[in-house]
Amino acid sequence: GNLVISGTKGYVYVPAPWWKTDYFEVRYEDQNQNKKYFYPYVGD
């Protein structure tokens, strides 16, 4: 149950269950540039 958004420079991976995630990752060919983003998802 994930979400993947593919682009010409990299892609975004939102892990399962993506519809109530509290973080996602931006990934590139050079893995050193990858970044994770964290946000609140409180309660339900």
ModelCIF file with pLDDT and N, C-alpha, C, O atoms, coordinates in Angstrom:
data_MODEL
#
_entry.id   MODEL 
#
_entity.id                         1 
_entity.type                       polymer 
_entity.pdbx_number_of_molecules   1 
#
_entity_poly.entity_id                      1 
_entity_poly.type                           'polypeptide(L)' 
_entity_poly.nstd_linkage                   no 
_entity_poly.nstd_monomer                   no 
_entity_poly.pdbx_seq_one_letter_code       GNLVISGTKGYVYVPAPWWKTDYFEVRYEDQNQNKKYFYPYVGD 
_entity_poly.pdbx_seq_one_letter_code_can   GNLVISGTKGYVYVPAPWWKTDYFEVRYEDQNQNKKYFYPYVGD 
_entity_poly.pdbx_strand_id                 A 
#
loop_
_entity_poly_seq.entity_id 
_entity_poly_seq.num 
_entity_poly_seq.mon_id 
_entity_poly_seq.hetero 
1 1  GLY n 
1 2  ASN n 
1 3  LEU n 
1 4  VAL n 
1 5  ILE n 
1 6  SER n 
1 7  GLY n 
1 8  THR n 
1 9  LYS n 
1 10 GLY n 
1 11 TYR n 
1 12 VAL n 
1 13 TYR n 
1 14 VAL n 
1 15 PRO n 
1 16 ALA n 
1 17 PRO n 
1 18 TRP n 
1 19 TRP n 
1 20 LYS n 
1 21 THR n 
1 22 ASP n 
1 23 TYR n 
1 24 PHE n 
1 25 GLU n 
1 26 VAL n 
1 27 ARG n 
1 28 TYR n 
1 29 GLU n 
1 30 ASP n 
1 31 GLN n 
1 32 ASN n 
1 33 GLN n 
1 34 ASN n 
1 35 LYS n 
1 36 LYS n 
1 37 TYR n 
1 38 PHE n 
1 39 TYR n 
1 40 PRO n 
1 41 TYR n 
1 42 VAL n 
1 43 GLY n 
1 44 ASP n 
#
_struct_asym.id          A 
_struct_asym.entity_id   1 
#
loop_
_ma_qa_metric.id 
_ma_qa_metric.mode 
_ma_qa_metric.name 
_ma_qa_metric.software_group_id 
_ma_qa_metric.type 
1 global pLDDT . pLDDT 
2 local  pLDDT . pLDDT 
#
_ma_qa_metric_global.metric_id      1 
_ma_qa_metric_global.metric_value   93.45 
_ma_qa_metric_global.model_id       1 
_ma_qa_metric_global.ordinal_id     1 
#
loop_
_ma_qa_metric_local.label_asym_id 
_ma_qa_metric_local.label_comp_id 
_ma_qa_metric_local.label_seq_id 
_ma_qa_metric_local.metric_id 
_ma_qa_metric_local.metric_value 
_ma_qa_metric_local.model_id 
_ma_qa_metric_local.ordinal_id 
A GLY 1  2 94.00 1 1  
A ASN 2  2 97.00 1 2  
A LEU 3  2 98.00 1 3  
A VAL 4  2 98.00 1 4  
A ILE 5  2 98.00 1 5  
A SER 6  2 98.00 1 6  
A GLY 7  2 98.00 1 7  
A THR 8  2 98.00 1 8  
A LYS 9  2 97.00 1 9  
A GLY 10 2 98.00 1 10 
A TYR 11 2 98.00 1 11 
A VAL 12 2 98.00 1 12 
A TYR 13 2 98.00 1 13 
A VAL 14 2 97.00 1 14 
A PRO 15 2 96.00 1 15 
A ALA 16 2 94.00 1 16 
A PRO 17 2 94.00 1 17 
A TRP 18 2 96.00 1 18 
A TRP 19 2 93.00 1 19 
A LYS 20 2 88.00 1 20 
A THR 21 2 84.00 1 21 
A ASP 22 2 87.00 1 22 
A TYR 23 2 90.00 1 23 
A PHE 24 2 96.00 1 24 
A GLU 25 2 97.00 1 25 
A VAL 26 2 97.00 1 26 
A ARG 27 2 98.00 1 27 
A TYR 28 2 97.00 1 28 
A GLU 29 2 96.00 1 29 
A ASP 30 2 96.00 1 30 
A GLN 31 2 95.00 1 31 
A ASN 32 2 96.00 1 32 
A GLN 33 2 96.00 1 33 
A ASN 34 2 97.00 1 34 
A LYS 35 2 95.00 1 35 
A LYS 36 2 94.00 1 36 
A TYR 37 2 91.00 1 37 
A PHE 38 2 86.00 1 38 
A TYR 39 2 82.00 1 39 
A PRO 40 2 77.00 1 40 
A TYR 41 2 83.00 1 41 
A VAL 42 2 82.00 1 42 
A GLY 43 2 85.00 1 43 
A ASP 44 2 89.00 1 44 
#
loop_
_atom_site.group_PDB 
_atom_site.id 
_atom_site.type_symbol 
_atom_site.label_atom_id 
_atom_site.label_alt_id 
_atom_site.label_comp_id 
_atom_site.label_asym_id 
_atom_site.label_entity_id 
_atom_site.label_seq_id 
_atom_site.pdbx_PDB_ins_code 
_atom_site.Cartn_x 
_atom_site.Cartn_y 
_atom_site.Cartn_z 
_atom_site.occupancy 
_atom_site.B_iso_or_equiv 
_atom_site.pdbx_formal_charge 
_atom_site.auth_seq_id 
_atom_site.auth_comp_id 
_atom_site.auth_asym_id 
_atom_site.auth_atom_id 
_atom_site.pdbx_PDB_model_num 
ATOM 1   N N  . GLY A 1 1  ? 0.799  -1.220 0.000   1.00 94.00 ? 1  GLY A N  1 
ATOM 2   C CA . GLY A 1 1  ? 0.000  0.000  0.000   1.00 94.00 ? 1  GLY A CA 1 
ATOM 3   C C  . GLY A 1 1  ? 0.828  1.265  0.000   1.00 94.00 ? 1  GLY A C  1 
ATOM 4   O O  . GLY A 1 1  ? 0.709  2.091  0.905   1.00 94.00 ? 1  GLY A O  1 
ATOM 5   N N  . ASN A 1 2  ? 1.673  1.422  -1.019  1.00 97.00 ? 2  ASN A N  1 
ATOM 6   C CA . ASN A 1 2  ? 2.539  2.603  -1.067  1.00 97.00 ? 2  ASN A CA 1 
ATOM 7   C C  . ASN A 1 2  ? 2.140  3.537  -2.198  1.00 97.00 ? 2  ASN A C  1 
ATOM 8   O O  . ASN A 1 2  ? 1.243  3.242  -2.988  1.00 97.00 ? 2  ASN A O  1 
ATOM 9   N N  . LEU A 1 3  ? 2.826  4.668  -2.255  1.00 98.00 ? 3  LEU A N  1 
ATOM 10  C CA . LEU A 1 3  ? 2.639  5.666  -3.297  1.00 98.00 ? 3  LEU A CA 1 
ATOM 11  C C  . LEU A 1 3  ? 4.013  6.005  -3.856  1.00 98.00 ? 3  LEU A C  1 
ATOM 12  O O  . LEU A 1 3  ? 4.934  6.314  -3.100  1.00 98.00 ? 3  LEU A O  1 
ATOM 13  N N  . VAL A 1 4  ? 4.154  5.949  -5.182  1.00 98.00 ? 4  VAL A N  1 
ATOM 14  C CA . VAL A 1 4  ? 5.420  6.276  -5.840  1.00 98.00 ? 4  VAL A CA 1 
ATOM 15  C C  . VAL A 1 4  ? 5.150  7.335  -6.912  1.00 98.00 ? 4  VAL A C  1 
ATOM 16  O O  . VAL A 1 4  ? 4.287  7.161  -7.773  1.00 98.00 ? 4  VAL A O  1 
ATOM 17  N N  . ILE A 1 5  ? 5.899  8.428  -6.842  1.00 98.00 ? 5  ILE A N  1 
ATOM 18  C CA . ILE A 1 5  ? 5.799  9.515  -7.818  1.00 98.00 ? 5  ILE A CA 1 
ATOM 19  C C  . ILE A 1 5  ? 7.141  9.625  -8.514  1.00 98.00 ? 5  ILE A C  1 
ATOM 20  O O  . ILE A 1 5  ? 8.137  9.991  -7.891  1.00 98.00 ? 5  ILE A O  1 
ATOM 21  N N  . SER A 1 6  ? 7.176  9.315  -9.792  1.00 98.00 ? 6  SER A N  1 
ATOM 22  C CA . SER A 1 6  ? 8.437  9.236  -10.540 1.00 98.00 ? 6  SER A CA 1 
ATOM 23  C C  . SER A 1 6  ? 8.656  10.489 -11.374 1.00 98.00 ? 6  SER A C  1 
ATOM 24  O O  . SER A 1 6  ? 7.747  10.955 -12.062 1.00 98.00 ? 6  SER A O  1 
ATOM 25  N N  . GLY A 1 7  ? 9.873  11.035 -11.309 1.00 98.00 ? 7  GLY A N  1 
ATOM 26  C CA . GLY A 1 7  ? 10.202 12.238 -12.056 1.00 98.00 ? 7  GLY A CA 1 
ATOM 27  C C  . GLY A 1 7  ? 11.497 12.109 -12.828 1.00 98.00 ? 7  GLY A C  1 
ATOM 28  O O  . GLY A 1 7  ? 12.172 11.082 -12.759 1.00 98.00 ? 7  GLY A O  1 
ATOM 29  N N  . THR A 1 8  ? 11.839 13.142 -13.556 1.00 98.00 ? 8  THR A N  1 
ATOM 30  C CA . THR A 1 8  ? 13.029 13.113 -14.409 1.00 98.00 ? 8  THR A CA 1 
ATOM 31  C C  . THR A 1 8  ? 14.323 13.300 -13.620 1.00 98.00 ? 8  THR A C  1 
ATOM 32  O O  . THR A 1 8  ? 15.404 13.062 -14.160 1.00 98.00 ? 8  THR A O  1 
ATOM 33  N N  . LYS A 1 9  ? 14.239 13.723 -12.348 1.00 97.00 ? 9  LYS A N  1 
ATOM 34  C CA . LYS A 1 9  ? 15.438 13.889 -11.525 1.00 97.00 ? 9  LYS A CA 1 
ATOM 35  C C  . LYS A 1 9  ? 15.500 12.907 -10.359 1.00 97.00 ? 9  LYS A C  1 
ATOM 36  O O  . LYS A 1 9  ? 16.568 12.685 -9.789  1.00 97.00 ? 9  LYS A O  1 
ATOM 37  N N  . GLY A 1 10 ? 14.379 12.330 -10.011 1.00 98.00 ? 10 GLY A N  1 
ATOM 38  C CA . GLY A 1 10 ? 14.311 11.417 -8.878  1.00 98.00 ? 10 GLY A CA 1 
ATOM 39  C C  . GLY A 1 10 ? 12.887 10.979 -8.667  1.00 98.00 ? 10 GLY A C  1 
ATOM 40  O O  . GLY A 1 10 ? 12.033 11.171 -9.533  1.00 98.00 ? 10 GLY A O  1 
ATOM 41  N N  . TYR A 1 11 ? 12.625 10.381 -7.502  1.00 98.00 ? 11 TYR A N  1 
ATOM 42  C CA . TYR A 1 11 ? 11.259 9.949  -7.237  1.00 98.00 ? 11 TYR A CA 1 
ATOM 43  C C  . TYR A 1 11 ? 10.937 10.089 -5.751  1.00 98.00 ? 11 TYR A C  1 
ATOM 44  O O  . TYR A 1 11 ? 11.826 10.171 -4.904  1.00 98.00 ? 11 TYR A O  1 
ATOM 45  N N  . VAL A 1 12 ? 9.640  10.112 -5.467  1.00 98.00 ? 12 VAL A N  1 
ATOM 46  C CA . VAL A 1 12 ? 9.166  10.154 -4.086  1.00 98.00 ? 12 VAL A CA 1 
ATOM 47  C C  . VAL A 1 12 ? 8.566  8.806  -3.737  1.00 98.00 ? 12 VAL A C  1 
ATOM 48  O O  . VAL A 1 12 ? 7.752  8.256  -4.479  1.00 98.00 ? 12 VAL A O  1 
ATOM 49  N N  . TYR A 1 13 ? 8.985  8.285  -2.587  1.00 98.00 ? 13 TYR A N  1 
ATOM 50  C CA . TYR A 1 13 ? 8.442  7.029  -2.089  1.00 98.00 ? 13 TYR A CA 1 
ATOM 51  C C  . TYR A 1 13 ? 7.722  7.303  -0.773  1.00 98.00 ? 13 TYR A C  1 
ATOM 52  O O  . TYR A 1 13 ? 8.317  7.790  0.188   1.00 98.00 ? 13 TYR A O  1 
ATOM 53  N N  . VAL A 1 14 ? 6.424  6.979  -0.751  1.00 97.00 ? 14 VAL A N  1 
ATOM 54  C CA . VAL A 1 14 ? 5.627  7.110  0.468   1.00 97.00 ? 14 VAL A CA 1 
ATOM 55  C C  . VAL A 1 14 ? 5.247  5.694  0.895   1.00 97.00 ? 14 VAL A C  1 
ATOM 56  O O  . VAL A 1 14 ? 4.480  5.030  0.198   1.00 97.00 ? 14 VAL A O  1 
ATOM 57  N N  . PRO A 1 15 ? 5.767  5.221  2.021   1.00 96.00 ? 15 PRO A N  1 
ATOM 58  C CA . PRO A 1 15 ? 5.552  3.827  2.412   1.00 96.00 ? 15 PRO A CA 1 
ATOM 59  C C  . PRO A 1 15 ? 4.124  3.547  2.851   1.00 96.00 ? 15 PRO A C  1 
ATOM 60  O O  . PRO A 1 15 ? 3.363  4.461  3.168   1.00 96.00 ? 15 PRO A O  1 
ATOM 61  N N  . ALA A 1 16 ? 3.784  2.285  2.864   1.00 94.00 ? 16 ALA A N  1 
ATOM 62  C CA . ALA A 1 16 ? 2.455  1.851  3.314   1.00 94.00 ? 16 ALA A CA 1 
ATOM 63  C C  . ALA A 1 16 ? 2.303  2.094  4.814   1.00 94.00 ? 16 ALA A C  1 
ATOM 64  O O  . ALA A 1 16 ? 3.262  1.945  5.572   1.00 94.00 ? 16 ALA A O  1 
ATOM 65  N N  . PRO A 1 17 ? 1.101  2.468  5.237   1.00 94.00 ? 17 PRO A N  1 
ATOM 66  C CA . PRO A 1 17 ? -0.033 2.890  4.417   1.00 94.00 ? 17 PRO A CA 1 
ATOM 67  C C  . PRO A 1 17 ? 0.124  4.368  4.046   1.00 94.00 ? 17 PRO A C  1 
ATOM 68  O O  . PRO A 1 17 ? 0.082  5.241  4.913   1.00 94.00 ? 17 PRO A O  1 
ATOM 69  N N  . TRP A 1 18 ? 0.302  4.632  2.778   1.00 96.00 ? 18 TRP A N  1 
ATOM 70  C CA . TRP A 1 18 ? 0.667  5.985  2.342   1.00 96.00 ? 18 TRP A CA 1 
ATOM 71  C C  . TRP A 1 18 ? -0.402 7.027  2.669   1.00 96.00 ? 18 TRP A C  1 
ATOM 72  O O  . TRP A 1 18 ? -0.085 8.203  2.845   1.00 96.00 ? 18 TRP A O  1 
ATOM 73  N N  . TRP A 1 19 ? -1.667 6.603  2.753   1.00 93.00 ? 19 TRP A N  1 
ATOM 74  C CA . TRP A 1 19 ? -2.757 7.566  2.944   1.00 93.00 ? 19 TRP A CA 1 
ATOM 75  C C  . TRP A 1 19 ? -2.806 8.105  4.386   1.00 93.00 ? 19 TRP A C  1 
ATOM 76  O O  . TRP A 1 19 ? -3.562 9.036  4.664   1.00 93.00 ? 19 TRP A O  1 
ATOM 77  N N  . LYS A 1 20 ? -2.026 7.542  5.288   1.00 88.00 ? 20 LYS A N  1 
ATOM 78  C CA . LYS A 1 20 ? -1.937 8.101  6.640   1.00 88.00 ? 20 LYS A CA 1 
ATOM 79  C C  . LYS A 1 20 ? -0.499 8.108  7.137   1.00 88.00 ? 20 LYS A C  1 
ATOM 80  O O  . LYS A 1 20 ? -0.216 7.818  8.299   1.00 88.00 ? 20 LYS A O  1 
ATOM 81  N N  . THR A 1 21 ? 0.398  8.446  6.219   1.00 84.00 ? 21 THR A N  1 
ATOM 82  C CA . THR A 1 21 ? 1.809  8.443  6.573   1.00 84.00 ? 21 THR A CA 1 
ATOM 83  C C  . THR A 1 21 ? 2.200  9.673  7.379   1.00 84.00 ? 21 THR A C  1 
ATOM 84  O O  . THR A 1 21 ? 1.549  10.715 7.309   1.00 84.00 ? 21 THR A O  1 
ATOM 85  N N  . ASP A 1 22 ? 3.263  9.530  8.138   1.00 87.00 ? 22 ASP A N  1 
ATOM 86  C CA . ASP A 1 22 ? 3.841  10.682 8.821   1.00 87.00 ? 22 ASP A CA 1 
ATOM 87  C C  . ASP A 1 22 ? 5.220  11.024 8.244   1.00 87.00 ? 22 ASP A C  1 
ATOM 88  O O  . ASP A 1 22 ? 5.909  11.911 8.749   1.00 87.00 ? 22 ASP A O  1 
ATOM 89  N N  . TYR A 1 23 ? 5.609  10.320 7.193   1.00 90.00 ? 23 TYR A N  1 
ATOM 90  C CA . TYR A 1 23 ? 6.859  10.685 6.529   1.00 90.00 ? 23 TYR A CA 1 
ATOM 91  C C  . TYR A 1 23 ? 6.889  10.139 5.103   1.00 90.00 ? 23 TYR A C  1 
ATOM 92  O O  . TYR A 1 23 ? 6.143  9.228  4.744   1.00 90.00 ? 23 TYR A O  1 
ATOM 93  N N  . PHE A 1 24 ? 7.777  10.729 4.305   1.00 96.00 ? 24 PHE A N  1 
ATOM 94  C CA . PHE A 1 24 ? 8.024  10.218 2.957   1.00 96.00 ? 24 PHE A CA 1 
ATOM 95  C C  . PHE A 1 24 ? 9.484  10.477 2.618   1.00 96.00 ? 24 PHE A C  1 
ATOM 96  O O  . PHE A 1 24 ? 10.172 11.224 3.314   1.00 96.00 ? 24 PHE A O  1 
ATOM 97  N N  . GLU A 1 25 ? 9.949  9.854  1.545   1.00 97.00 ? 25 GLU A N  1 
ATOM 98  C CA . GLU A 1 25 ? 11.346 9.972  1.140   1.00 97.00 ? 25 GLU A CA 1 
ATOM 99  C C  . GLU A 1 25 ? 11.445 10.503 -0.281  1.00 97.00 ? 25 GLU A C  1 
ATOM 100 O O  . GLU A 1 25 ? 10.670 10.120 -1.158  1.00 97.00 ? 25 GLU A O  1 
ATOM 101 N N  . VAL A 1 26 ? 12.412 11.393 -0.497  1.00 97.00 ? 26 VAL A N  1 
ATOM 102 C CA . VAL A 1 26 ? 12.767 11.827 -1.842  1.00 97.00 ? 26 VAL A CA 1 
ATOM 103 C C  . VAL A 1 26 ? 14.080 11.133 -2.186  1.00 97.00 ? 26 VAL A C  1 
ATOM 104 O O  . VAL A 1 26 ? 15.078 11.291 -1.484  1.00 97.00 ? 26 VAL A O  1 
ATOM 105 N N  . ARG A 1 27 ? 14.070 10.364 -3.270  1.00 98.00 ? 27 ARG A N  1 
ATOM 106 C CA . ARG A 1 27 ? 15.221 9.532  -3.621  1.00 98.00 ? 27 ARG A CA 1 
ATOM 107 C C  . ARG A 1 27 ? 15.782 9.910  -4.988  1.00 98.00 ? 27 ARG A C  1 
ATOM 108 O O  . ARG A 1 27 ? 15.053 10.274 -5.911  1.00 98.00 ? 27 ARG A O  1 
ATOM 109 N N  . TYR A 1 28 ? 17.117 9.808  -5.081  1.00 97.00 ? 28 TYR A N  1 
ATOM 110 C CA . TYR A 1 28 ? 17.816 10.175 -6.307  1.00 97.00 ? 28 TYR A CA 1 
ATOM 111 C C  . TYR A 1 28 ? 18.762 9.057  -6.737  1.00 97.00 ? 28 TYR A C  1 
ATOM 112 O O  . TYR A 1 28 ? 18.977 8.091  -6.004  1.00 97.00 ? 28 TYR A O  1 
ATOM 113 N N  . GLU A 1 29 ? 19.319 9.206  -7.933  1.00 96.00 ? 29 GLU A N  1 
ATOM 114 C CA . GLU A 1 29 ? 20.310 8.253  -8.421  1.00 96.00 ? 29 GLU A CA 1 
ATOM 115 C C  . GLU A 1 29 ? 21.492 8.206  -7.454  1.00 96.00 ? 29 GLU A C  1 
ATOM 116 O O  . GLU A 1 29 ? 21.978 7.128  -7.111  1.00 96.00 ? 29 GLU A O  1 
ATOM 117 N N  . ASP A 1 30 ? 21.952 9.380  -7.016  1.00 96.00 ? 30 ASP A N  1 
ATOM 118 C CA . ASP A 1 30 ? 22.988 9.477  -5.996  1.00 96.00 ? 30 ASP A CA 1 
ATOM 119 C C  . ASP A 1 30 ? 22.320 9.385  -4.628  1.00 96.00 ? 30 ASP A C  1 
ATOM 120 O O  . ASP A 1 30 ? 21.707 10.351 -4.173  1.00 96.00 ? 30 ASP A O  1 
ATOM 121 N N  . GLN A 1 31 ? 22.431 8.244  -3.974  1.00 95.00 ? 31 GLN A N  1 
ATOM 122 C CA . GLN A 1 31 ? 21.724 8.012  -2.721  1.00 95.00 ? 31 GLN A CA 1 
ATOM 123 C C  . GLN A 1 31 ? 22.155 8.963  -1.608  1.00 95.00 ? 31 GLN A C  1 
ATOM 124 O O  . GLN A 1 31 ? 21.431 9.122  -0.625  1.00 95.00 ? 31 GLN A O  1 
ATOM 125 N N  . ASN A 1 32 ? 23.309 9.591  -1.743  1.00 96.00 ? 32 ASN A N  1 
ATOM 126 C CA . ASN A 1 32 ? 23.764 10.549 -0.743  1.00 96.00 ? 32 ASN A CA 1 
ATOM 127 C C  . ASN A 1 32 ? 22.873 11.790 -0.694  1.00 96.00 ? 32 ASN A C  1 
ATOM 128 O O  . ASN A 1 32 ? 22.874 12.522 0.296   1.00 96.00 ? 32 ASN A O  1 
ATOM 129 N N  . GLN A 1 33 ? 22.119 12.023 -1.759  1.00 96.00 ? 33 GLN A N  1 
ATOM 130 C CA . GLN A 1 33 ? 21.224 13.173 -1.818  1.00 96.00 ? 33 GLN A CA 1 
ATOM 131 C C  . GLN A 1 33 ? 19.820 12.861 -1.290  1.00 96.00 ? 33 GLN A C  1 
ATOM 132 O O  . GLN A 1 33 ? 18.999 13.766 -1.148  1.00 96.00 ? 33 GLN A O  1 
ATOM 133 N N  . ASN A 1 34 ? 19.545 11.600 -1.001  1.00 97.00 ? 34 ASN A N  1 
ATOM 134 C CA . ASN A 1 34 ? 18.221 11.214 -0.515  1.00 97.00 ? 34 ASN A CA 1 
ATOM 135 C C  . ASN A 1 34 ? 17.878 11.952 0.778   1.00 97.00 ? 34 ASN A C  1 
ATOM 136 O O  . ASN A 1 34 ? 18.749 12.264 1.589   1.00 97.00 ? 34 ASN A O  1 
ATOM 137 N N  . LYS A 1 35 ? 16.586 12.221 0.942   1.00 95.00 ? 35 LYS A N  1 
ATOM 138 C CA . LYS A 1 35 ? 16.156 12.938 2.137   1.00 95.00 ? 35 LYS A CA 1 
ATOM 139 C C  . LYS A 1 35 ? 14.808 12.420 2.603   1.00 95.00 ? 35 LYS A C  1 
ATOM 140 O O  . LYS A 1 35 ? 13.921 12.143 1.795   1.00 95.00 ? 35 LYS A O  1 
ATOM 141 N N  . LYS A 1 36 ? 14.662 12.291 3.938   1.00 94.00 ? 36 LYS A N  1 
ATOM 142 C CA . LYS A 1 36 ? 13.396 11.885 4.531   1.00 94.00 ? 36 LYS A CA 1 
ATOM 143 C C  . LYS A 1 36 ? 12.724 13.095 5.169   1.00 94.00 ? 36 LYS A C  1 
ATOM 144 O O  . LYS A 1 36 ? 13.388 13.952 5.752   1.00 94.00 ? 36 LYS A O  1 
ATOM 145 N N  . TYR A 1 37 ? 11.412 13.155 5.054   1.00 91.00 ? 37 TYR A N  1 
ATOM 146 C CA . TYR A 1 37 ? 10.625 14.249 5.605   1.00 91.00 ? 37 TYR A CA 1 
ATOM 147 C C  . TYR A 1 37 ? 9.612  13.679 6.594   1.00 91.00 ? 37 TYR A C  1 
ATOM 148 O O  . TYR A 1 37 ? 8.872  12.749 6.271   1.00 91.00 ? 37 TYR A O  1 
ATOM 149 N N  . PHE A 1 38 ? 9.585  14.241 7.796   1.00 86.00 ? 38 PHE A N  1 
ATOM 150 C CA . PHE A 1 38 ? 8.700  13.759 8.854   1.00 86.00 ? 38 PHE A CA 1 
ATOM 151 C C  . PHE A 1 38 ? 7.681  14.835 9.229   1.00 86.00 ? 38 PHE A C  1 
ATOM 152 O O  . PHE A 1 38 ? 8.016  16.013 9.353   1.00 86.00 ? 38 PHE A O  1 
ATOM 153 N N  . TYR A 1 39 ? 6.439  14.409 9.406   1.00 82.00 ? 39 TYR A N  1 
ATOM 154 C CA . TYR A 1 39 ? 5.356  15.328 9.747   1.00 82.00 ? 39 TYR A CA 1 
ATOM 155 C C  . TYR A 1 39 ? 4.428  14.659 10.752  1.00 82.00 ? 39 TYR A C  1 
ATOM 156 O O  . TYR A 1 39 ? 4.391  13.431 10.830  1.00 82.00 ? 39 TYR A O  1 
ATOM 157 N N  . PRO A 1 40 ? 3.678  15.442 11.521  1.00 77.00 ? 40 PRO A N  1 
ATOM 158 C CA . PRO A 1 40 ? 2.773  14.843 12.509  1.00 77.00 ? 40 PRO A CA 1 
ATOM 159 C C  . PRO A 1 40 ? 1.584  14.148 11.853  1.00 77.00 ? 40 PRO A C  1 
ATOM 160 O O  . PRO A 1 40 ? 1.059  14.604 10.837  1.00 77.00 ? 40 PRO A O  1 
ATOM 161 N N  . TYR A 1 41 ? 1.184  13.060 12.444  1.00 83.00 ? 41 TYR A N  1 
ATOM 162 C CA . TYR A 1 41 ? -0.085 12.406 12.104  1.00 83.00 ? 41 TYR A CA 1 
ATOM 163 C C  . TYR A 1 41 ? -0.657 11.951 13.437  1.00 83.00 ? 41 TYR A C  1 
ATOM 164 O O  . TYR A 1 41 ? -0.349 10.860 13.916  1.00 83.00 ? 41 TYR A O  1 
ATOM 165 N N  . VAL A 1 42 ? -1.494 12.796 14.032  1.00 82.00 ? 42 VAL A N  1 
ATOM 166 C CA . VAL A 1 42 ? -1.938 12.590 15.403  1.00 82.00 ? 42 VAL A CA 1 
ATOM 167 C C  . VAL A 1 42 ? -3.258 11.834 15.425  1.00 82.00 ? 42 VAL A C  1 
ATOM 168 O O  . VAL A 1 42 ? -4.150 12.095 14.618  1.00 82.00 ? 42 VAL A O  1 
ATOM 169 N N  . GLY A 1 43 ? -3.372 10.890 16.362  1.00 85.00 ? 43 GLY A N  1 
ATOM 170 C CA . GLY A 1 43 ? -4.611 10.147 16.516  1.00 85.00 ? 43 GLY A CA 1 
ATOM 171 C C  . GLY A 1 43 ? -4.957 9.355  15.271  1.00 85.00 ? 43 GLY A C  1 
ATOM 172 O O  . GLY A 1 43 ? -4.090 8.734  14.655  1.00 85.00 ? 43 GLY A O  1 
ATOM 173 N N  . ASP A 1 44 ? -6.232 9.380  14.904  1.00 89.00 ? 44 ASP A N  1 
ATOM 174 C CA . ASP A 1 44 ? -6.695 8.681  13.698  1.00 89.00 ? 44 ASP A CA 1 
ATOM 175 C C  . ASP A 1 44 ? -6.602 9.555  12.456  1.00 89.00 ? 44 ASP A C  1 
ATOM 176 O O  . ASP A 1 44 ? -6.953 9.113  11.362  1.00 89.00 ? 44 ASP A O  1 
#
